[in-house]
Each structure stands twice: as structure tokens, then as C-alpha cells.
Amino acid sequence: MIVSFSKYILFIVDTIPPIYGGLATSAHRIANYLAEDYKVIILTPSHEKKDQIIEKTVSWSENIQIIQFKKPKNEAKYLEEFSRMGEKICEEIKLEAIVGFYLYRAGFIATYLGKRYQVPTIVSARGNDIHRSLFHSKRHSFVKYALLETTIFTSVSTELMEKGNAFEAIKEKSLVVGNGVDYNFFEVKERKIQESEKVVIGFAGDDRSKKGFQVIIKALSNLPQNLIESFELFIAGSFNEEKLKKNLSKNCSKLTYTFFGTLPRKKMRSFYQSLDLLVIPSINDGLPNVLLEGIASGISVLASNTGGIKDVLHTFPEKLFPSGDSDELTLILAKFLQGEEKLTRRKDELLSHCKEQYSLNAEKSRWKKAISMAKKE
């Protein structure tokens, strides 16, 4: 039963905390922003407990109500159940807006419901949803429909906005909304390297090809032996440990590394502070939370020029390398390990830039602007 409230927003998303991942953590932040002005009804499937969790406890606004349904294994049934539950909500209450958070399923269902019940919609491209789904024979039409029929289109990067506009004329109804970070949580803490210590290079992510883990491994394996011995690699994220061990043994057997597995938010803070350099070698991406969290932690970053990464670092080109180019990454890492200070410069300037453009308040104000734009259409 839906609790009585004056203004409602339906927020449709594939996953929420305590499930681990960028989509879930972003959904959690944004739903809480919107709950400052609305009663937010989150419609999402339930997941098995075997999924990694972010934290044991998750704080939701009292103005958020979560409605879950058992996730069907069949894809068509999954969409059908999303739709059926959404229709029930739309018929029970009057909505101010519907948010489809991620294009393929959520965005399609949100725009279908919006058209049927005459409710403004906001769909959001988060990461590889445009890249993967628009060029996927079974998903293309769903994403095209969402782009064509939505009232307002948001994305976490200029690149995703350009891709969306290449398929539908959405310039007049679009808004780039970058992720936000709590800079008080990810505090700056300088790491002092002792003479006996090795340099620590970090990677945080998973083994999906889009995250580019093989790019960094190939780059590291091409370094001279004396440089390979001068550093260690710290790895955090979702990997099969046995497969990871075999991968590193085969491709970079001389590498010293430590695998931490999937870390909750508090431990990620310590992970960042243990690094001298965070490398983000994504092949394609939205706006990785780890990039902003690394910058918020005051460490040096090096990242590929794709997605929202370009938006953050475009005025800091020394911290970018061509996406997928392991040879160029090898050259940059070699210079870094030999004492080249290029990557360590301008950290304070970059941190100030991100505090202004990628703060929680900046993200919140842009999302509230998106809702306002949709309601005016």
C-alpha cells in the first residue's frame, strides 16, 4: 500500500544498495536528493544475496518507498514484470514524473509508462548502456524508443550525450549530470614513501572488458624488469581470484600484486590512501566513481580518454592516455616510475575543479533542474 503524500516520483532502476556497483550507489544518491521534495517510489527487482554488498547498512530518506518484485530469469518476463508493476503504481497515484535510471530496461519502461499515463519522463544514460545497447540487435529498438519518447534525457558525460543525439534529435531536451562525491568522506591524506618501500599503483573495477584491466596488465608486462621490480599493483573489485591469479601468472609473472576483492566504501577510502597512482584504463565508460573518489583522496590519477573521464580531465591532458593504447600507457608509467613528476603535478588544482563541478550539491542541483525541465515540457 502506498503511503499518502502530496507529490510523487516513480524511480525505475535495475539495482539498488546493498547490491555492489556504480549503478546502485548512484541510484541511492539521486533517489535521496529527489526525496527532499517528493515522495520517491523506487521500483526495482530483488536480487539474490550472493551479490556483493556495499555496506551492511544503507541510509534511505523516510520519503523513499522501495517496491521490489522477484526478478524473472527470462528477459521478456523481466520487462513484462517491470511494466506490470509500473502500471499498477501509475493507476494508484498521480505522479509528477517518472525516472528511468539506465536506458535499456528502466528507460524503456519509464517512457512507455510516461506515454501511456501522460507523465513527464527523465531517462538517464549511465555508462555503457548506449554503447552496448544501441548496437545490440535485440536491445536497439528499446533504447531508440526511450531516446525518442523521453521528455528529458540526462547522461553522466558529454560523449554519451553525443551518442544519444546521433540517433535521436535530443539536444533541446538534454542535460549532462556528472556524478557527485562526498569530499569530506574521501579525505586527502598524503602517502610518504619510505626508502625501503615500493611505489604502489592501483586498479579498482572488475574484469569486464570495458574496464580495461587487460590494457593495464599488458602495459605493465611491457615494462623493463628493473621497473617491474620497483612497484607493486593493488587490485580492488569484483574478480574471480583463481582466474585473476592465472591471468597475472600468464601475462605478467614477475609482477608483485595484492588482491583485496570487493571492498565496502569505508575500506575503499583506505585503499585509495595506500596508492601513489590510480590507473583507470577503461575502454568505454560513463563517469567512473573511482576516478572522482581517487581525486577526492588526493592521489595522482592516470586515465583513458573515454566517456566522462574526458569531461573531468580535459584541462589536465597529462593525466589522459588514448583508450585501449597499452603501448602509450607503458611509456607514461615508465616515466612515472623513473621519477617523472608530470602525473603528480596540479593535484590541488584538479581537486578544486572536481569539488566545484562534481560535488554532491552540484549533482543534486542538476537532477532537480532535470525534474523541473521535464515538468515544464
Protein backbone atom coordinates (compact mmCIF):
# COMPACT_ATOMS: atom_id res chain seq x y z
CA MET A 1 0.00 0.00 0.00
CA ILE A 2 1.43 3.42 -0.99
CA VAL A 3 1.61 5.94 1.85
CA SER A 4 -0.24 9.24 1.30
CA PHE A 5 1.95 12.14 0.15
CA SER A 6 1.46 15.31 -1.88
CA LYS A 7 3.95 14.83 -4.74
CA TYR A 8 5.29 11.56 -6.12
CA ILE A 9 8.11 10.47 -8.41
CA LEU A 10 8.47 6.93 -9.70
CA PHE A 11 12.15 5.93 -9.89
CA ILE A 12 12.75 2.80 -12.00
CA VAL A 13 16.16 1.12 -11.75
CA ASP A 14 17.66 -2.36 -12.15
CA THR A 15 19.58 -2.41 -8.89
CA ILE A 16 19.95 -0.55 -5.59
CA PRO A 17 22.07 -1.00 -2.45
CA PRO A 18 23.07 -3.15 -0.75
CA ILE A 19 23.98 -4.58 -4.18
CA TYR A 20 27.50 -3.52 -5.16
CA GLY A 21 28.20 -1.30 -8.17
CA GLY A 22 28.19 2.18 -9.66
CA LEU A 23 24.56 1.99 -10.82
CA ALA A 24 23.33 1.08 -7.34
CA THR A 25 25.36 3.72 -5.50
CA SER A 26 24.32 6.43 -7.96
CA ALA A 27 20.66 5.40 -7.69
CA HIS A 28 20.94 5.62 -3.90
CA ARG A 29 22.37 9.17 -4.00
CA ILE A 30 19.92 10.52 -6.55
CA ALA A 31 16.80 9.00 -5.03
CA ASN A 32 17.76 10.63 -1.73
CA TYR A 33 18.21 14.00 -3.48
CA LEU A 34 14.76 13.80 -5.05
CA ALA A 35 13.23 12.71 -1.75
CA GLU A 36 13.93 16.19 -0.37
CA ASP A 37 10.99 17.46 -2.46
CA TYR A 38 8.96 14.37 -3.36
CA LYS A 39 7.81 11.02 -2.17
CA VAL A 40 10.04 8.73 -4.25
CA ILE A 41 8.78 5.27 -5.11
CA ILE A 42 11.66 3.06 -6.22
CA LEU A 43 10.62 0.16 -8.44
CA THR A 44 13.38 -2.45 -8.73
CA PRO A 45 13.80 -6.24 -8.88
CA SER A 46 15.08 -8.12 -5.87
CA HIS A 47 18.42 -9.89 -6.20
CA GLU A 48 19.92 -12.97 -4.66
CA LYS A 49 22.05 -12.40 -1.58
CA LYS A 50 25.11 -13.88 -3.27
CA ASP A 51 25.70 -10.46 -4.85
CA GLN A 52 28.41 -8.40 -3.19
CA ILE A 53 27.16 -5.72 -0.82
CA ILE A 54 28.39 -2.15 -0.48
CA GLU A 55 27.79 -1.80 3.25
CA LYS A 56 25.86 -3.63 5.91
CA THR A 57 23.60 -0.64 6.50
CA VAL A 58 22.21 1.75 3.89
CA SER A 59 20.56 5.06 4.77
CA TRP A 60 17.40 5.93 2.85
CA SER A 61 15.27 9.06 3.23
CA GLU A 62 11.98 8.50 5.04
CA ASN A 63 10.32 9.83 1.88
CA ILE A 64 11.52 6.82 -0.13
CA GLN A 65 9.41 3.71 -0.55
CA ILE A 66 11.01 0.68 -2.21
CA ILE A 67 8.79 -1.73 -4.14
CA GLN A 68 10.52 -4.89 -5.34
CA PHE A 69 9.50 -7.86 -7.43
CA LYS A 70 11.17 -11.20 -7.94
CA LYS A 71 13.47 -10.93 -10.92
CA PRO A 72 12.42 -13.43 -13.64
CA LYS A 73 15.20 -15.33 -15.38
CA ASN A 74 13.56 -14.83 -18.77
CA GLU A 75 14.34 -11.40 -20.26
CA ALA A 76 10.89 -10.90 -21.78
CA LYS A 77 9.27 -11.77 -18.45
CA TYR A 78 11.62 -9.35 -16.73
CA LEU A 79 10.41 -6.45 -18.90
CA GLU A 80 6.81 -7.62 -18.55
CA GLU A 81 7.03 -7.66 -14.74
CA PHE A 82 8.70 -4.24 -14.67
CA SER A 83 5.85 -2.93 -16.81
CA ARG A 84 3.08 -4.64 -14.82
CA MET A 85 4.34 -3.28 -11.51
CA GLY A 86 4.82 0.18 -13.01
CA GLU A 87 1.30 0.21 -14.43
CA LYS A 88 -0.12 -0.68 -11.02
CA ILE A 89 1.68 2.28 -9.41
CA CYS A 90 0.62 4.68 -12.18
CA GLU A 91 -3.01 3.66 -11.76
CA GLU A 92 -2.96 4.06 -7.97
CA ILE A 93 -1.48 7.55 -7.71
CA LYS A 94 -0.84 10.74 -9.65
CA LEU A 95 2.87 11.07 -10.50
CA GLU A 96 4.82 14.29 -11.04
CA ALA A 97 7.48 12.46 -13.09
CA ILE A 98 8.96 9.06 -13.88
CA VAL A 99 12.73 8.49 -13.85
CA GLY A 100 14.23 5.63 -15.86
CA PHE A 101 17.70 5.15 -14.44
CA TYR A 102 19.73 3.35 -17.15
CA LEU A 103 18.46 3.21 -20.69
CA TYR A 104 17.81 -0.34 -21.72
CA ARG A 105 15.19 -1.70 -19.32
CA ALA A 106 14.44 1.16 -16.94
CA GLY A 107 14.50 3.86 -19.62
CA PHE A 108 12.23 1.92 -21.95
CA ILE A 109 9.70 1.06 -19.23
CA ALA A 110 9.73 4.66 -17.92
CA THR A 111 8.97 6.15 -21.34
CA TYR A 112 6.30 3.55 -22.08
CA LEU A 113 4.57 4.37 -18.79
CA GLY A 114 5.03 8.09 -19.34
CA LYS A 115 3.40 7.97 -22.77
CA ARG A 116 0.55 5.77 -21.58
CA TYR A 117 -0.27 7.76 -18.44
CA GLN A 118 0.77 11.21 -19.71
CA VAL A 119 3.53 11.71 -17.13
CA PRO A 120 6.82 13.58 -17.85
CA THR A 121 9.84 11.27 -18.02
CA ILE A 122 13.58 11.58 -17.44
CA VAL A 123 15.80 8.79 -18.72
CA SER A 124 19.46 8.59 -17.82
CA ALA A 125 22.43 7.05 -19.64
CA ARG A 126 24.93 5.96 -17.02
CA GLY A 127 27.80 4.02 -18.57
CA ASN A 128 27.90 1.60 -21.45
CA ASP A 129 24.13 1.42 -21.95
CA ILE A 130 24.18 3.46 -25.17
CA HIS A 131 27.42 1.92 -26.40
CA ARG A 132 26.28 -1.64 -25.77
CA SER A 133 22.53 -1.47 -26.33
CA LEU A 134 22.19 0.73 -29.41
CA PHE A 135 24.46 -1.66 -31.28
CA HIS A 136 22.75 -4.76 -29.89
CA SER A 137 20.22 -6.28 -32.28
CA LYS A 138 17.77 -7.25 -29.51
CA ARG A 139 18.07 -4.04 -27.46
CA HIS A 140 18.42 -1.37 -30.14
CA SER A 141 14.70 -0.67 -30.56
CA PHE A 142 14.15 -0.36 -26.80
CA VAL A 143 16.87 2.28 -26.43
CA LYS A 144 15.75 4.13 -29.57
CA TYR A 145 12.22 4.30 -28.18
CA ALA A 146 13.46 5.66 -24.84
CA LEU A 147 15.56 8.35 -26.55
CA LEU A 148 12.74 9.36 -28.88
CA GLU A 149 9.90 9.41 -26.35
CA THR A 150 11.52 10.75 -23.18
CA THR A 151 10.72 14.27 -22.02
CA ILE A 152 14.27 14.94 -20.78
CA PHE A 153 17.44 12.93 -21.42
CA THR A 154 20.32 13.03 -18.95
CA SER A 155 23.72 11.40 -19.11
CA VAL A 156 26.87 11.35 -17.00
CA SER A 157 29.09 12.52 -19.87
CA THR A 158 29.20 14.69 -22.97
CA GLU A 159 30.23 11.67 -25.03
CA LEU A 160 27.11 9.71 -24.07
CA MET A 161 25.02 12.77 -24.88
CA GLU A 162 26.63 12.98 -28.34
CA LYS A 163 25.99 9.27 -28.95
CA GLY A 164 22.36 9.65 -27.93
CA ASN A 165 21.95 12.67 -30.19
CA ALA A 166 23.43 10.75 -33.12
CA PHE A 167 20.36 8.50 -33.01
CA GLU A 168 17.68 10.97 -31.98
CA ALA A 169 17.44 14.77 -32.01
CA ILE A 170 17.60 15.31 -28.25
CA LYS A 171 19.77 18.44 -27.96
CA GLU A 172 16.91 20.67 -26.83
CA LYS A 173 15.83 18.26 -24.12
CA SER A 174 19.15 17.04 -22.73
CA LEU A 175 21.30 17.70 -19.69
CA VAL A 176 24.73 16.36 -18.66
CA VAL A 177 24.66 15.43 -14.97
CA GLY A 178 28.01 14.20 -13.70
CA ASN A 179 28.33 12.02 -10.61
CA GLY A 180 28.86 13.59 -7.21
CA VAL A 181 31.32 12.69 -4.46
CA ASP A 182 31.39 13.34 -0.73
CA TYR A 183 34.75 15.08 -0.38
CA ASN A 184 34.56 15.02 3.41
CA PHE A 185 34.38 11.22 3.36
CA PHE A 186 37.28 10.67 0.94
CA GLU A 187 39.70 12.90 2.80
CA VAL A 188 43.11 13.84 1.43
CA LYS A 189 45.92 12.03 3.19
CA GLU A 190 49.39 12.23 1.65
CA ARG A 191 51.35 8.97 1.49
CA LYS A 192 55.05 9.24 2.22
CA ILE A 193 57.12 6.56 0.50
CA GLN A 194 59.95 5.21 2.67
CA GLU A 195 63.24 4.24 1.05
CA SER A 196 62.57 0.53 1.53
CA GLU A 197 59.05 0.75 0.08
CA LYS A 198 57.90 0.16 -3.46
CA VAL A 199 55.71 2.55 -5.43
CA VAL A 200 52.07 1.41 -5.30
CA ILE A 201 49.93 1.51 -8.46
CA GLY A 202 46.22 0.81 -8.05
CA PHE A 203 43.33 -0.52 -10.13
CA ALA A 204 39.72 -0.58 -8.91
CA GLY A 205 37.00 -2.18 -11.00
CA ASP A 206 36.30 -5.64 -12.40
CA ASP A 207 37.29 -7.97 -15.23
CA ARG A 208 34.69 -6.77 -17.74
CA SER A 209 36.43 -5.81 -20.99
CA LYS A 210 35.03 -2.25 -20.83
CA LYS A 211 37.03 -1.59 -17.65
CA GLY A 212 40.30 -2.26 -19.48
CA PHE A 213 42.06 -4.45 -16.92
CA GLN A 214 43.91 -6.29 -19.71
CA VAL A 215 45.16 -2.94 -21.01
CA ILE A 216 46.95 -2.15 -17.76
CA ILE A 217 48.29 -5.70 -17.43
CA LYS A 218 49.73 -5.60 -20.96
CA ALA A 219 51.24 -2.18 -20.29
CA LEU A 220 52.86 -3.35 -17.06
CA SER A 221 54.19 -6.53 -18.67
CA ASN A 222 55.99 -4.42 -21.30
CA LEU A 223 57.99 -2.51 -18.71
CA PRO A 224 61.70 -3.30 -18.26
CA GLN A 225 62.39 -5.81 -15.49
CA ASN A 226 64.04 -3.24 -13.20
CA LEU A 227 60.91 -1.09 -13.33
CA ILE A 228 58.58 -4.06 -12.74
CA GLU A 229 60.53 -4.72 -9.56
CA SER A 230 60.17 -1.10 -8.42
CA PHE A 231 56.40 -1.16 -7.81
CA GLU A 232 53.51 -3.35 -6.71
CA LEU A 233 49.97 -3.44 -8.02
CA PHE A 234 46.99 -3.18 -5.66
CA ILE A 235 43.73 -4.56 -7.14
CA ALA A 236 40.26 -3.97 -5.67
CA GLY A 237 36.99 -5.11 -7.19
CA SER A 238 34.94 -8.00 -8.47
CA PHE A 239 37.22 -10.72 -9.86
CA ASN A 240 37.34 -14.48 -9.76
CA GLU A 241 40.51 -14.81 -7.70
CA GLU A 242 41.65 -18.05 -9.33
CA LYS A 243 41.19 -16.65 -12.84
CA LEU A 244 42.95 -13.44 -11.81
CA LYS A 245 45.91 -15.41 -10.50
CA LYS A 246 46.19 -17.39 -13.74
CA ASN A 247 45.85 -14.23 -15.82
CA LEU A 248 48.66 -12.44 -14.00
CA SER A 249 50.86 -15.54 -13.92
CA LYS A 250 50.49 -15.92 -17.69
CA ASN A 251 50.80 -12.27 -18.72
CA CYS A 252 53.00 -10.64 -16.08
CA SER A 253 54.62 -13.35 -13.99
CA LYS A 254 57.20 -11.05 -12.38
CA LEU A 255 54.57 -8.64 -11.09
CA THR A 256 54.12 -8.20 -7.34
CA TYR A 257 50.44 -7.65 -6.57
CA THR A 258 47.86 -7.73 -3.79
CA PHE A 259 44.21 -8.56 -4.47
CA PHE A 260 41.72 -7.10 -1.97
CA GLY A 261 38.46 -8.28 -3.53
CA THR A 262 35.33 -6.13 -3.42
CA LEU A 263 35.71 -3.55 -0.68
CA PRO A 264 32.94 -1.66 1.16
CA ARG A 265 33.02 2.11 0.99
CA LYS A 266 34.95 2.66 4.23
CA LYS A 267 37.69 0.27 3.18
CA MET A 268 37.87 1.85 -0.28
CA ARG A 269 38.87 5.07 1.47
CA SER A 270 41.89 3.28 2.98
CA PHE A 271 42.61 1.60 -0.37
CA TYR A 272 42.92 4.94 -2.16
CA GLN A 273 45.15 6.34 0.57
CA SER A 274 47.54 3.39 0.15
CA LEU A 275 48.22 4.30 -3.50
CA ASP A 276 50.75 6.51 -5.23
CA LEU A 277 48.95 6.30 -8.57
CA LEU A 278 45.44 5.18 -9.54
CA VAL A 279 45.12 3.96 -13.14
CA ILE A 280 41.69 3.84 -14.83
CA PRO A 281 42.19 2.16 -18.24
CA SER A 282 38.53 1.95 -19.34
CA ILE A 283 37.85 1.07 -22.98
CA ASN A 284 34.44 2.74 -22.73
CA ASP A 285 32.73 4.08 -19.64
CA GLY A 286 30.34 6.64 -18.23
CA LEU A 287 31.85 8.54 -15.35
CA PRO A 288 33.56 6.03 -13.02
CA ASN A 289 33.03 6.77 -9.34
CA VAL A 290 36.57 5.51 -8.69
CA LEU A 291 38.05 8.39 -10.72
CA LEU A 292 36.30 11.03 -8.60
CA GLU A 293 36.97 9.13 -5.38
CA GLY A 294 40.67 8.86 -6.21
CA ILE A 295 40.87 12.59 -6.91
CA ALA A 296 38.95 13.28 -3.69
CA SER A 297 41.57 11.22 -1.84
CA GLY A 298 44.34 13.49 -3.14
CA ILE A 299 46.22 10.83 -5.10
CA SER A 300 47.62 11.04 -8.62
CA VAL A 301 45.41 9.61 -11.37
CA LEU A 302 46.01 8.40 -14.92
CA ALA A 303 43.01 7.50 -17.06
CA SER A 304 41.90 6.73 -20.61
CA ASN A 305 40.22 9.47 -22.64
CA THR A 306 36.73 8.00 -22.83
CA GLY A 307 33.27 8.94 -21.56
CA GLY A 308 33.00 11.24 -18.58
CA ILE A 309 36.70 10.77 -17.83
CA LYS A 310 37.38 13.23 -20.66
CA ASP A 311 34.94 15.72 -19.13
CA VAL A 312 36.77 15.63 -15.79
CA LEU A 313 40.35 15.66 -17.12
CA HIS A 314 40.13 17.58 -20.41
CA THR A 315 42.07 20.52 -18.95
CA PHE A 316 44.58 18.09 -17.40
CA PRO A 317 45.76 16.27 -20.57
CA GLU A 318 48.92 14.96 -18.91
CA LYS A 319 46.64 12.64 -16.90
CA LEU A 320 44.98 11.12 -20.00
CA PHE A 321 46.09 8.44 -22.47
CA PRO A 322 44.33 7.04 -25.58
CA SER A 323 41.68 4.46 -24.71
CA GLY A 324 42.97 0.92 -25.22
CA ASP A 325 46.55 2.04 -26.02
CA SER A 326 48.69 -0.17 -23.78
CA ASP A 327 51.91 0.96 -25.51
CA GLU A 328 51.30 4.61 -24.64
CA LEU A 329 50.34 3.58 -21.11
CA THR A 330 53.65 1.70 -20.80
CA LEU A 331 55.61 4.82 -21.78
CA ILE A 332 53.75 7.03 -19.28
CA LEU A 333 54.14 4.50 -16.46
CA ALA A 334 57.84 4.09 -17.21
CA LYS A 335 58.39 7.84 -16.88
CA PHE A 336 56.39 7.90 -13.66
CA LEU A 337 58.41 5.05 -12.13
CA GLN A 338 61.67 6.75 -13.19
CA GLY A 339 60.76 9.86 -11.21
CA GLU A 340 58.95 11.97 -13.82
CA GLU A 341 56.73 14.30 -11.80
CA LYS A 342 54.26 15.14 -14.57
CA LEU A 343 51.45 12.95 -13.16
CA THR A 344 51.87 14.26 -9.62
CA ARG A 345 51.56 17.93 -10.56
CA ARG A 346 48.37 20.04 -10.34
CA LYS A 347 46.64 17.65 -7.89
CA ASP A 348 45.34 20.56 -5.82
CA GLU A 349 44.03 22.31 -8.94
CA LEU A 350 42.26 19.13 -10.10
CA LEU A 351 40.76 18.58 -6.66
CA SER A 352 39.41 22.16 -6.58
CA HIS A 353 37.91 21.70 -10.06
CA CYS A 354 36.14 18.49 -9.03
CA LYS A 355 34.86 19.96 -5.78
CA GLU A 356 33.14 22.63 -7.84
CA GLN A 357 31.83 20.50 -10.71
CA TYR A 358 31.40 17.02 -9.19
CA SER A 359 30.20 17.63 -5.65
CA LEU A 360 27.05 16.17 -4.13
CA ASN A 361 25.46 19.62 -4.24
CA ALA A 362 26.31 20.07 -7.94
CA GLU A 363 24.84 16.67 -8.79
CA LYS A 364 21.75 17.35 -6.68
CA SER A 365 21.06 20.76 -8.27
CA ARG A 366 21.37 19.32 -11.80
CA TRP A 367 18.98 16.49 -11.03
CA LYS A 368 16.47 18.90 -9.57
CA LYS A 369 16.89 21.01 -12.70
CA ALA A 370 16.17 17.94 -14.86
CA ILE A 371 12.92 17.30 -12.95
CA SER A 372 11.95 20.93 -13.32
CA MET A 373 12.67 20.88 -17.08
CA ALA A 374 10.56 17.74 -17.53
CA LYS A 375 7.58 19.19 -15.68
CA LYS A 376 7.67 22.35 -17.81
CA GLU A 377 7.53 20.45 -21.11
